[in-house]
Amino acid sequence: MRLQANAGPLGAGARDRWVTIQTRPDESTADSGFPVDGPWTDLATVAMAREELAAVEMQRANEQLQIATVRWEGAYRPDCDPERLDIPKLRRLLYRDRAYDILAATTIGRRQAIEFVTEAHGKVPTASVQAAAAIGAAVEAG
């Protein structure tokens, strides 16, 4: 399946993944008065189409970082309209217990659909970190 910007919205049959849209408060402040990110809460569960755009692995500080860039398309929702809200700041997607941070959102057609470009991050310890953890566990058990 290839999502194309000029192809218009996909039919309902292509939207075969159930995705939860999450939201958080626009501005929260701590007791100190500094802004903090509020907790994520579920807004709605909707059917969306998914397209893998890129998957990258890189090595940093004894960790293997994984970044997956995915494009999603779902039906238009006023509470996810990028012309009305700061969608990357206030929304994220949750699919199979994995959080996808929204990088960009665009409306397709005249409120026919919304497209989200997202990133999901993961960390996998390298062999040296795994070996150190195994040695630590052996010392504790021993």
Protein backbone atom coordinates (compact mmCIF):
# COMPACT_ATOMS: atom_id res chain seq x y z
CA MET A 1 0.00 0.00 0.00
CA ARG A 2 1.41 3.38 -0.93
CA LEU A 3 -0.16 6.57 0.39
CA GLN A 4 0.18 9.42 -2.07
CA ALA A 5 -0.44 13.09 -1.35
CA ASN A 6 -2.46 13.67 -4.51
CA ALA A 7 -4.40 10.41 -4.43
CA GLY A 8 -7.11 11.73 -2.09
CA PRO A 9 -8.41 9.84 0.89
CA LEU A 10 -8.22 6.09 1.01
CA GLY A 11 -11.35 3.98 1.10
CA ALA A 12 -12.56 2.63 4.41
CA GLY A 13 -11.19 -0.84 3.57
CA ALA A 14 -7.59 0.44 3.60
CA ARG A 15 -8.01 1.71 7.17
CA ASP A 16 -7.44 -1.65 8.80
CA ARG A 17 -5.50 -0.71 11.95
CA TRP A 18 -7.21 0.34 15.20
CA VAL A 19 -5.20 3.24 16.59
CA THR A 20 -5.77 5.21 19.79
CA ILE A 21 -5.41 8.97 19.55
CA GLN A 22 -4.11 10.38 22.82
CA THR A 23 -4.23 13.94 24.11
CA ARG A 24 -2.71 15.97 26.91
CA PRO A 25 -3.42 19.38 28.42
CA ASP A 26 -2.19 22.37 26.45
CA GLU A 27 -0.24 23.91 29.34
CA SER A 28 0.47 22.50 32.76
CA THR A 29 2.67 24.09 35.39
CA ALA A 30 4.44 22.55 38.33
CA ASP A 31 4.31 24.03 41.83
CA SER A 32 7.49 25.88 40.89
CA GLY A 33 5.64 27.67 38.08
CA PHE A 34 7.65 26.01 35.31
CA PRO A 35 5.72 24.37 32.45
CA VAL A 36 5.54 20.57 32.49
CA ASP A 37 4.07 18.06 30.09
CA GLY A 38 0.72 16.77 31.30
CA PRO A 39 -0.20 13.07 31.28
CA TRP A 40 -1.44 11.42 28.09
CA THR A 41 -5.08 10.30 28.09
CA ASP A 42 -7.09 8.43 25.46
CA LEU A 43 -9.20 10.62 23.19
CA ALA A 44 -10.58 8.10 20.69
CA THR A 45 -9.85 4.78 18.98
CA VAL A 46 -10.18 5.01 15.22
CA ALA A 47 -9.42 2.97 12.09
CA MET A 48 -6.36 4.15 10.16
CA ALA A 49 -4.21 3.13 7.23
CA ARG A 50 -0.48 2.68 7.92
CA GLU A 51 2.59 3.05 5.72
CA GLU A 52 6.16 2.44 6.88
CA LEU A 53 8.36 5.27 5.61
CA ALA A 54 11.73 4.50 7.21
CA ALA A 55 13.40 2.46 9.90
CA VAL A 56 16.79 3.48 11.25
CA GLU A 57 19.10 1.89 13.81
CA MET A 58 22.06 3.70 15.29
CA GLN A 59 24.61 3.12 18.04
CA ARG A 60 24.83 5.66 20.88
CA ALA A 61 26.39 5.29 24.34
CA ASN A 62 26.21 1.48 24.47
CA GLU A 63 22.62 1.43 23.25
CA GLN A 64 21.16 0.52 19.93
CA LEU A 65 18.55 3.17 19.11
CA GLN A 66 15.70 2.37 16.75
CA ILE A 67 13.56 5.00 15.05
CA ALA A 68 10.56 4.04 12.91
CA THR A 69 8.91 6.73 10.77
CA VAL A 70 5.32 5.85 9.88
CA ARG A 71 2.59 7.66 7.97
CA TRP A 72 -1.01 7.18 9.12
CA GLU A 73 -4.25 8.23 7.45
CA GLY A 74 -7.63 8.40 9.17
CA ALA A 75 -11.00 10.04 8.77
CA TYR A 76 -11.18 13.78 9.41
CA ARG A 77 -11.77 14.73 13.05
CA PRO A 78 -12.25 18.35 14.20
CA ASP A 79 -10.30 17.58 17.39
CA CYS A 80 -7.26 16.64 15.26
CA ASP A 81 -7.47 19.43 12.68
CA PRO A 82 -3.93 20.80 12.22
CA GLU A 83 -5.31 24.21 11.27
CA ARG A 84 -7.06 24.53 14.64
CA LEU A 85 -4.61 22.84 17.06
CA ASP A 86 -0.90 22.28 17.57
CA ILE A 87 -1.24 18.57 16.80
CA PRO A 88 2.44 17.54 17.32
CA LYS A 89 2.35 19.08 20.81
CA LEU A 90 -1.13 17.98 21.94
CA ARG A 91 -1.68 14.59 20.28
CA ARG A 92 0.09 11.29 19.78
CA LEU A 93 -0.91 7.88 18.43
CA LEU A 94 -0.82 4.58 20.27
CA TYR A 95 -0.74 1.34 18.28
CA ARG A 96 -0.13 -2.05 19.87
CA ASP A 97 1.12 -0.40 23.08
CA ARG A 98 3.74 1.61 21.18
CA ALA A 99 3.61 5.41 21.26
CA TYR A 100 4.06 7.29 17.99
CA ASP A 101 5.00 10.96 18.35
CA ILE A 102 3.38 13.11 15.67
CA LEU A 103 5.87 15.11 13.61
CA ALA A 104 3.36 16.60 11.16
CA ALA A 105 -0.35 16.51 10.42
CA THR A 106 -2.12 17.62 7.25
CA THR A 107 -5.72 17.69 6.14
CA ILE A 108 -6.45 15.84 2.90
CA GLY A 109 -9.02 17.46 0.64
CA ARG A 110 -11.77 19.50 2.23
CA ARG A 111 -11.92 17.71 5.55
CA GLN A 112 -11.98 14.28 3.93
CA ALA A 113 -9.10 12.78 5.90
CA ILE A 114 -6.10 13.62 8.06
CA GLU A 115 -2.59 12.33 7.50
CA PHE A 116 -0.11 12.01 10.37
CA VAL A 117 3.64 11.50 9.98
CA THR A 118 4.97 9.93 13.18
CA GLU A 119 8.10 8.56 14.83
CA ALA A 120 8.41 5.75 17.34
CA HIS A 121 11.62 5.30 19.32
CA GLY A 122 13.08 2.21 20.90
CA LYS A 123 16.27 1.27 22.72
CA VAL A 124 17.96 -2.10 22.58
CA PRO A 125 21.00 -2.65 24.83
CA THR A 126 24.15 -3.69 23.00
CA ALA A 127 25.94 -6.96 23.73
CA SER A 128 28.36 -5.29 26.19
CA VAL A 129 25.48 -3.83 28.20
CA GLN A 130 23.66 -7.17 28.15
CA ALA A 131 26.84 -8.96 29.30
CA ALA A 132 27.33 -6.46 32.16
CA ALA A 133 23.71 -6.99 33.23
CA ALA A 134 24.18 -10.78 33.16
CA ILE A 135 27.35 -10.50 35.29
CA GLY A 136 25.53 -8.24 37.73
CA ALA A 137 22.66 -10.71 38.00
CA ALA A 138 25.11 -13.58 38.56
CA VAL A 139 26.91 -11.67 41.33
CA GLU A 140 23.60 -10.89 43.07
CA ALA A 141 22.48 -14.54 42.83
CA GLY A 142 25.82 -15.93 43.89
